[in-house]
Amino acid sequence: IPSNKTIDAFERPQKGDAKRDPRMNFTLYFKGDVINVGKGKLEIDYPVQGNTSVLDKVEQKISWRKYSALYKNADGYYELNGINMRIMRYSEVLLNLAECENELGNTTAAVTLMNQVRSRGDVKMPNYPTVNYPTSTKDQVFIALQHEKMVELTGEQLRNKDILRWRKQGKLKVEPISYFSANKYELLPIPQFELDNNPNIKGNNPGY
């Protein structure tokens, strides 16, 4: 299920933002949502099997809508949902270019590119700067860019690559992964069966 941090990242009036980001509903299933499946419509009265999430102090079940099928639901298998996951979308190109412009000190160009993503017809979010995302400095633009990438590209397996790159480049003022342990999680553990089968491996990666 999506993390509470992911869910809470979307702009909405409860956080002092001008409007609720429609990408929240494009990305997540909430109780009462209806899904179109091959055999008709199915109401989501149990969006997820498992833990509940917390949104604006309300505990509820929220699940992934974007690029997903309902888990263990006979009417929600992939072949019925027409899932078409893009490998790269135009909005990712714009946001990557915005990051490049910001690194070069062209903050105005960076903000213009981010606003292209926000102003498209199915989103229509207020342009940057906003109350919660000022863009007067390079650091402020980078914070807005991190936010925009998170809400626009969430669920598309891109955030971890950005975080790895930003961490390595020293761009992160605050570590975005609460459980991250430096000098450990940069690498994956070597599987135990590999250690057992290869006497030349003299121990696991650091921290494991």
C-alpha atoms as a PDB file:
ATOM      1  CA  ILE A   1       0.000   0.000   0.000  1.00  0.00           C
ATOM      2  CA  PRO A   2       1.200   3.604  -0.437  1.00  0.00           C
ATOM      3  CA  SER A   3       3.066   5.044   2.527  1.00  0.00           C
ATOM      4  CA  ASN A   4       1.474   7.747   4.665  1.00  0.00           C
ATOM      5  CA  LYS A   5       4.235  10.079   3.472  1.00  0.00           C
ATOM      6  CA  THR A   6       3.289   9.461  -0.168  1.00  0.00           C
ATOM      7  CA  ILE A   7      -0.409  10.018   0.508  1.00  0.00           C
ATOM      8  CA  ASP A   8       0.246  13.178   2.509  1.00  0.00           C
ATOM      9  CA  ALA A   9       2.486  14.648  -0.217  1.00  0.00           C
ATOM     10  CA  PHE A  10      -0.478  15.661  -2.386  1.00  0.00           C
ATOM     11  CA  GLU A  11      -1.593  19.292  -2.087  1.00  0.00           C
ATOM     12  CA  ARG A  12      -5.035  19.917  -0.588  1.00  0.00           C
ATOM     13  CA  PRO A  13      -6.856  22.629   1.401  1.00  0.00           C
ATOM     14  CA  GLN A  14      -6.292  20.767   4.689  1.00  0.00           C
ATOM     15  CA  LYS A  15      -2.606  21.617   4.300  1.00  0.00           C
ATOM     16  CA  GLY A  16      -3.240  25.243   3.353  1.00  0.00           C
ATOM     17  CA  ASP A  17      -2.999  24.659  -0.396  1.00  0.00           C
ATOM     18  CA  ALA A  18      -5.314  26.339  -2.880  1.00  0.00           C
ATOM     19  CA  LYS A  19      -6.973  23.127  -4.081  1.00  0.00           C
ATOM     20  CA  ARG A  20      -6.869  19.358  -3.893  1.00  0.00           C
ATOM     21  CA  ASP A  21      -4.438  17.957  -6.442  1.00  0.00           C
ATOM     22  CA  PRO A  22      -6.514  15.800  -8.847  1.00  0.00           C
ATOM     23  CA  ARG A  23      -3.497  13.520  -9.233  1.00  0.00           C
ATOM     24  CA  MET A  24      -4.325  12.237  -5.764  1.00  0.00           C
ATOM     25  CA  ASN A  25      -7.415  10.530  -7.134  1.00  0.00           C
ATOM     26  CA  PHE A  26      -5.624   9.437 -10.299  1.00  0.00           C
ATOM     27  CA  THR A  27      -3.050   7.694  -8.102  1.00  0.00           C
ATOM     28  CA  LEU A  28      -5.042   6.290  -5.159  1.00  0.00           C
ATOM     29  CA  TYR A  29      -8.231   4.343  -4.508  1.00  0.00           C
ATOM     30  CA  PHE A  30     -10.443   5.531  -1.670  1.00  0.00           C
ATOM     31  CA  LYS A  31     -13.500   3.807  -0.204  1.00  0.00           C
ATOM     32  CA  GLY A  32     -16.498   4.237  -2.509  1.00  0.00           C
ATOM     33  CA  ASP A  33     -14.433   4.639  -5.683  1.00  0.00           C
ATOM     34  CA  VAL A  34     -15.641   2.703  -8.725  1.00  0.00           C
ATOM     35  CA  ILE A  35     -13.343   0.768 -11.024  1.00  0.00           C
ATOM     36  CA  ASN A  36     -14.179  -0.163 -14.619  1.00  0.00           C
ATOM     37  CA  VAL A  37     -13.369  -3.789 -15.294  1.00  0.00           C
ATOM     38  CA  GLY A  38     -14.033  -6.158 -18.156  1.00  0.00           C
ATOM     39  CA  LYS A  39     -17.238  -7.455 -16.601  1.00  0.00           C
ATOM     40  CA  GLY A  40     -18.731  -4.115 -15.632  1.00  0.00           C
ATOM     41  CA  LYS A  41     -18.215  -1.731 -12.719  1.00  0.00           C
ATOM     42  CA  LEU A  42     -16.990  -2.694  -9.283  1.00  0.00           C
ATOM     43  CA  GLU A  43     -17.320  -0.471  -6.208  1.00  0.00           C
ATOM     44  CA  ILE A  44     -14.285  -0.302  -3.973  1.00  0.00           C
ATOM     45  CA  ASP A  45     -15.682  -0.972  -0.481  1.00  0.00           C
ATOM     46  CA  TYR A  46     -12.430  -2.587   0.619  1.00  0.00           C
ATOM     47  CA  PRO A  47      -9.662  -0.761  -1.259  1.00  0.00           C
ATOM     48  CA  VAL A  48      -6.848  -2.821   0.213  1.00  0.00           C
ATOM     49  CA  GLN A  49      -6.255  -5.989   2.189  1.00  0.00           C
ATOM     50  CA  GLY A  50      -3.893  -5.151   5.019  1.00  0.00           C
ATOM     51  CA  ASN A  51      -2.912  -2.125   7.045  1.00  0.00           C
ATOM     52  CA  THR A  52      -4.846   1.115   7.149  1.00  0.00           C
ATOM     53  CA  SER A  53      -3.401   4.495   6.201  1.00  0.00           C
ATOM     54  CA  VAL A  54      -3.803   7.867   7.918  1.00  0.00           C
ATOM     55  CA  LEU A  55      -4.851  10.939   5.942  1.00  0.00           C
ATOM     56  CA  ASP A  56      -5.608  14.233   7.694  1.00  0.00           C
ATOM     57  CA  LYS A  57      -5.825  12.362  11.027  1.00  0.00           C
ATOM     58  CA  VAL A  58      -8.423   9.937   9.661  1.00  0.00           C
ATOM     59  CA  GLU A  59      -7.543   6.238   9.609  1.00  0.00           C
ATOM     60  CA  GLN A  60      -8.794   4.576   6.450  1.00  0.00           C
ATOM     61  CA  LYS A  61      -7.875   1.997   3.836  1.00  0.00           C
ATOM     62  CA  ILE A  62      -6.220   3.501   0.756  1.00  0.00           C
ATOM     63  CA  SER A  63      -4.624   1.551  -2.081  1.00  0.00           C
ATOM     64  CA  TRP A  64      -2.766   2.135  -5.332  1.00  0.00           C
ATOM     65  CA  ARG A  65      -4.938   3.020  -8.302  1.00  0.00           C
ATOM     66  CA  LYS A  66      -2.198   3.949 -10.734  1.00  0.00           C
ATOM     67  CA  TYR A  67      -0.991   1.058 -12.902  1.00  0.00           C
ATOM     68  CA  SER A  68      -2.490  -1.525 -10.554  1.00  0.00           C
ATOM     69  CA  ALA A  69      -5.128  -4.231 -10.376  1.00  0.00           C
ATOM     70  CA  LEU A  70      -7.136  -5.009  -7.264  1.00  0.00           C
ATOM     71  CA  TYR A  71      -5.228  -7.612  -5.320  1.00  0.00           C
ATOM     72  CA  LYS A  72      -6.796 -11.119  -5.400  1.00  0.00           C
ATOM     73  CA  ASN A  73     -10.003  -9.843  -6.958  1.00  0.00           C
ATOM     74  CA  ALA A  74     -11.474 -11.994  -9.716  1.00  0.00           C
ATOM     75  CA  ASP A  75     -12.722  -8.915 -11.598  1.00  0.00           C
ATOM     76  CA  GLY A  76      -9.502  -6.959 -11.231  1.00  0.00           C
ATOM     77  CA  TYR A  77      -6.848  -8.996 -12.995  1.00  0.00           C
ATOM     78  CA  TYR A  78      -4.464  -7.208 -15.297  1.00  0.00           C
ATOM     79  CA  GLU A  79      -5.926  -8.526 -18.556  1.00  0.00           C
ATOM     80  CA  LEU A  80      -9.264  -6.859 -17.736  1.00  0.00           C
ATOM     81  CA  ASN A  81      -7.983  -3.461 -16.668  1.00  0.00           C
ATOM     82  CA  GLY A  82      -6.154  -2.286 -19.769  1.00  0.00           C
ATOM     83  CA  ILE A  83      -3.119  -1.189 -17.744  1.00  0.00           C
ATOM     84  CA  ASN A  84      -0.688   0.629 -20.007  1.00  0.00           C
ATOM     85  CA  MET A  85       2.376   1.569 -18.021  1.00  0.00           C
ATOM     86  CA  ARG A  86       4.569   4.128 -19.759  1.00  0.00           C
ATOM     87  CA  ILE A  87       8.319   3.604 -19.546  1.00  0.00           C
ATOM     88  CA  MET A  88       8.920   7.342 -19.882  1.00  0.00           C
ATOM     89  CA  ARG A  89       6.366  10.108 -19.944  1.00  0.00           C
ATOM     90  CA  TYR A  90       6.697  13.632 -21.287  1.00  0.00           C
ATOM     91  CA  SER A  91       6.195  15.071 -17.809  1.00  0.00           C
ATOM     92  CA  GLU A  92       9.312  13.214 -16.627  1.00  0.00           C
ATOM     93  CA  VAL A  93      11.283  14.778 -19.479  1.00  0.00           C
ATOM     94  CA  LEU A  94      10.051  18.252 -18.470  1.00  0.00           C
ATOM     95  CA  LEU A  95      10.881  17.711 -14.791  1.00  0.00           C
ATOM     96  CA  ASN A  96      14.342  16.340 -15.570  1.00  0.00           C
ATOM     97  CA  LEU A  97      14.994  19.374 -17.766  1.00  0.00           C
ATOM     98  CA  ALA A  98      13.718  21.620 -14.946  1.00  0.00           C
ATOM     99  CA  GLU A  99      16.286  20.056 -12.622  1.00  0.00           C
ATOM    100  CA  CYS A 100      19.037  20.714 -15.162  1.00  0.00           C
ATOM    101  CA  GLU A 101      17.982  24.357 -15.565  1.00  0.00           C
ATOM    102  CA  ASN A 102      17.889  24.827 -11.803  1.00  0.00           C
ATOM    103  CA  GLU A 103      21.394  23.369 -11.446  1.00  0.00           C
ATOM    104  CA  LEU A 104      22.583  25.926 -13.997  1.00  0.00           C
ATOM    105  CA  GLY A 105      20.987  28.717 -11.955  1.00  0.00           C
ATOM    106  CA  ASN A 106      18.150  29.270 -14.411  1.00  0.00           C
ATOM    107  CA  THR A 107      15.436  29.153 -11.769  1.00  0.00           C
ATOM    108  CA  THR A 108      12.843  30.975 -13.903  1.00  0.00           C
ATOM    109  CA  ALA A 109      13.229  28.429 -16.703  1.00  0.00           C
ATOM    110  CA  ALA A 110      13.005  25.591 -14.185  1.00  0.00           C
ATOM    111  CA  VAL A 111       9.774  26.935 -12.697  1.00  0.00           C
ATOM    112  CA  THR A 112       8.281  27.440 -16.172  1.00  0.00           C
ATOM    113  CA  LEU A 113       8.955  23.781 -17.004  1.00  0.00           C
ATOM    114  CA  MET A 114       7.416  22.555 -13.747  1.00  0.00           C
ATOM    115  CA  ASN A 115       4.364  24.707 -14.377  1.00  0.00           C
ATOM    116  CA  GLN A 116       3.925  23.061 -17.776  1.00  0.00           C
ATOM    117  CA  VAL A 117       3.346  19.809 -15.912  1.00  0.00           C
ATOM    118  CA  ARG A 118       0.981  21.403 -13.396  1.00  0.00           C
ATOM    119  CA  SER A 119      -1.071  23.453 -15.852  1.00  0.00           C
ATOM    120  CA  ARG A 120      -2.101  20.685 -18.253  1.00  0.00           C
ATOM    121  CA  GLY A 121      -5.824  20.159 -18.711  1.00  0.00           C
ATOM    122  CA  ASP A 122      -6.384  17.160 -16.463  1.00  0.00           C
ATOM    123  CA  VAL A 123      -4.402  18.638 -13.545  1.00  0.00           C
ATOM    124  CA  LYS A 124      -4.775  22.449 -13.587  1.00  0.00           C
ATOM    125  CA  MET A 125      -2.909  23.032 -10.343  1.00  0.00           C
ATOM    126  CA  PRO A 126      -1.912  26.614  -9.456  1.00  0.00           C
ATOM    127  CA  ASN A 127       1.448  27.617 -10.854  1.00  0.00           C
ATOM    128  CA  TYR A 128       4.556  27.790  -8.713  1.00  0.00           C
ATOM    129  CA  PRO A 129       5.265  29.663  -6.545  1.00  0.00           C
ATOM    130  CA  THR A 130       2.525  28.625  -4.100  1.00  0.00           C
ATOM    131  CA  VAL A 131       1.991  29.262  -0.398  1.00  0.00           C
ATOM    132  CA  ASN A 132       3.763  26.053   0.578  1.00  0.00           C
ATOM    133  CA  TYR A 133       6.277  26.020  -2.288  1.00  0.00           C
ATOM    134  CA  PRO A 134       8.058  29.342  -2.850  1.00  0.00           C
ATOM    135  CA  THR A 135      10.528  29.442  -5.737  1.00  0.00           C
ATOM    136  CA  SER A 136      12.676  32.513  -5.130  1.00  0.00           C
ATOM    137  CA  THR A 137      15.954  30.616  -4.714  1.00  0.00           C
ATOM    138  CA  LYS A 138      17.671  27.594  -6.214  1.00  0.00           C
ATOM    139  CA  ASP A 139      17.110  25.613  -2.997  1.00  0.00           C
ATOM    140  CA  GLN A 140      13.407  26.491  -2.939  1.00  0.00           C
ATOM    141  CA  VAL A 141      13.010  25.441  -6.568  1.00  0.00           C
ATOM    142  CA  PHE A 142      14.715  22.137  -5.778  1.00  0.00           C
ATOM    143  CA  ILE A 143      12.267  21.494  -2.911  1.00  0.00           C
ATOM    144  CA  ALA A 144       9.348  22.258  -5.242  1.00  0.00           C
ATOM    145  CA  LEU A 145      10.889  19.966  -7.864  1.00  0.00           C
ATOM    146  CA  GLN A 146      11.195  17.133  -5.345  1.00  0.00           C
ATOM    147  CA  HIS A 147       7.527  17.604  -4.499  1.00  0.00           C
ATOM    148  CA  GLU A 148       6.418  17.761  -8.115  1.00  0.00           C
ATOM    149  CA  LYS A 149       8.324  14.630  -9.038  1.00  0.00           C
ATOM    150  CA  MET A 150       6.835  12.798  -6.069  1.00  0.00           C
ATOM    151  CA  VAL A 151       3.189  13.580  -6.867  1.00  0.00           C
ATOM    152  CA  GLU A 152       3.505  13.403 -10.656  1.00  0.00           C
ATOM    153  CA  LEU A 153       5.612  10.248 -10.934  1.00  0.00           C
ATOM    154  CA  THR A 154       4.675   8.342  -7.785  1.00  0.00           C
ATOM    155  CA  GLY A 155       4.221   4.631  -8.362  1.00  0.00           C
ATOM    156  CA  GLU A 156       6.385   4.685 -11.501  1.00  0.00           C
ATOM    157  CA  GLN A 157       9.565   3.258  -9.902  1.00  0.00           C
ATOM    158  CA  LEU A 158      11.571   6.460 -10.395  1.00  0.00           C
ATOM    159  CA  ARG A 159      11.813   8.064  -6.958  1.00  0.00           C
ATOM    160  CA  ASN A 160      14.433   5.700  -5.586  1.00  0.00           C
ATOM    161  CA  LYS A 161      16.743   6.464  -8.509  1.00  0.00           C
ATOM    162  CA  ASP A 162      16.340  10.202  -7.884  1.00  0.00           C
ATOM    163  CA  ILE A 163      17.005   9.810  -4.154  1.00  0.00           C
ATOM    164  CA  LEU A 164      20.129   7.712  -4.778  1.00  0.00           C
ATOM    165  CA  ARG A 165      21.438  10.350  -7.182  1.00  0.00           C
ATOM    166  CA  TRP A 166      20.509  13.333  -4.995  1.00  0.00           C
ATOM    167  CA  ARG A 167      22.040  11.714  -1.909  1.00  0.00           C
ATOM    168  CA  LYS A 168      25.280  10.908  -3.725  1.00  0.00           C
ATOM    169  CA  GLN A 169      25.485  14.475  -5.045  1.00  0.00           C
ATOM    170  CA  GLY A 170      24.892  15.936  -1.564  1.00  0.00           C
ATOM    171  CA  LYS A 171      21.704  17.708  -2.635  1.00  0.00           C
ATOM    172  CA  LEU A 172      19.472  16.428   0.164  1.00  0.00           C
ATOM    173  CA  LYS A 173      19.164  18.826   3.090  1.00  0.00           C
ATOM    174  CA  VAL A 174      16.888  16.297   4.833  1.00  0.00           C
ATOM    175  CA  GLU A 175      17.041  12.529   4.318  1.00  0.00           C
ATOM    176  CA  PRO A 176      13.694  11.563   2.717  1.00  0.00           C
ATOM    177  CA  ILE A 177      13.765   7.921   3.868  1.00  0.00           C
ATOM    178  CA  SER A 178      13.297   7.785   7.633  1.00  0.00           C
ATOM    179  CA  TYR A 179      14.878   4.352   8.096  1.00  0.00           C
ATOM    180  CA  PHE A 180      17.886   4.969   5.826  1.00  0.00           C
ATOM    181  CA  SER A 181      21.181   3.885   7.374  1.00  0.00           C
ATOM    182  CA  ALA A 182      24.295   5.427   5.830  1.00  0.00           C
ATOM    183  CA  ASN A 183      27.111   3.066   4.774  1.00  0.00           C
ATOM    184  CA  LYS A 184      24.615   0.203   4.700  1.00  0.00           C
ATOM    185  CA  TYR A 185      21.614   0.837   2.491  1.00  0.00           C
ATOM    186  CA  GLU A 186      23.670   2.077  -0.425  1.00  0.00           C
ATOM    187  CA  LEU A 187      24.155  -1.636  -1.176  1.00  0.00           C
ATOM    188  CA  LEU A 188      21.868  -4.659  -1.060  1.00  0.00           C
ATOM    189  CA  PRO A 189      22.732  -7.637   1.151  1.00  0.00           C
ATOM    190  CA  ILE A 190      24.416 -10.605  -0.525  1.00  0.00           C
ATOM    191  CA  PRO A 191      21.926 -13.501  -0.355  1.00  0.00           C
ATOM    192  CA  GLN A 192      22.790 -16.178   2.200  1.00  0.00           C
ATOM    193  CA  PHE A 193      22.794 -18.939  -0.426  1.00  0.00           C
ATOM    194  CA  GLU A 194      25.508 -17.059  -2.345  1.00  0.00           C
ATOM    195  CA  LEU A 195      27.597 -16.782   0.812  1.00  0.00           C
ATOM    196  CA  ASP A 196      27.089 -20.500   1.504  1.00  0.00           C
ATOM    197  CA  ASN A 197      28.001 -21.552  -2.042  1.00  0.00           C
ATOM    198  CA  ASN A 198      31.031 -19.346  -2.636  1.00  0.00           C
ATOM    199  CA  PRO A 199      33.915 -19.635  -0.144  1.00  0.00           C
ATOM    200  CA  ASN A 200      35.661 -16.692  -1.832  1.00  0.00           C
ATOM    201  CA  ILE A 201      33.043 -14.279  -0.473  1.00  0.00           C
ATOM    202  CA  LYS A 202      34.411 -13.330   2.940  1.00  0.00           C
ATOM    203  CA  GLY A 203      31.343 -11.815   4.536  1.00  0.00           C
ATOM    204  CA  ASN A 204      28.359  -9.718   3.609  1.00  0.00           C
ATOM    205  CA  ASN A 205      28.173  -6.113   2.531  1.00  0.00           C
ATOM    206  CA  PRO A 206      28.724  -3.543   5.324  1.00  0.00           C
ATOM    207  CA  GLY A 207      25.969  -3.438   7.923  1.00  0.00           C
ATOM    208  CA  TYR A 208      24.395  -6.791   7.060  1.00  0.00           C
END
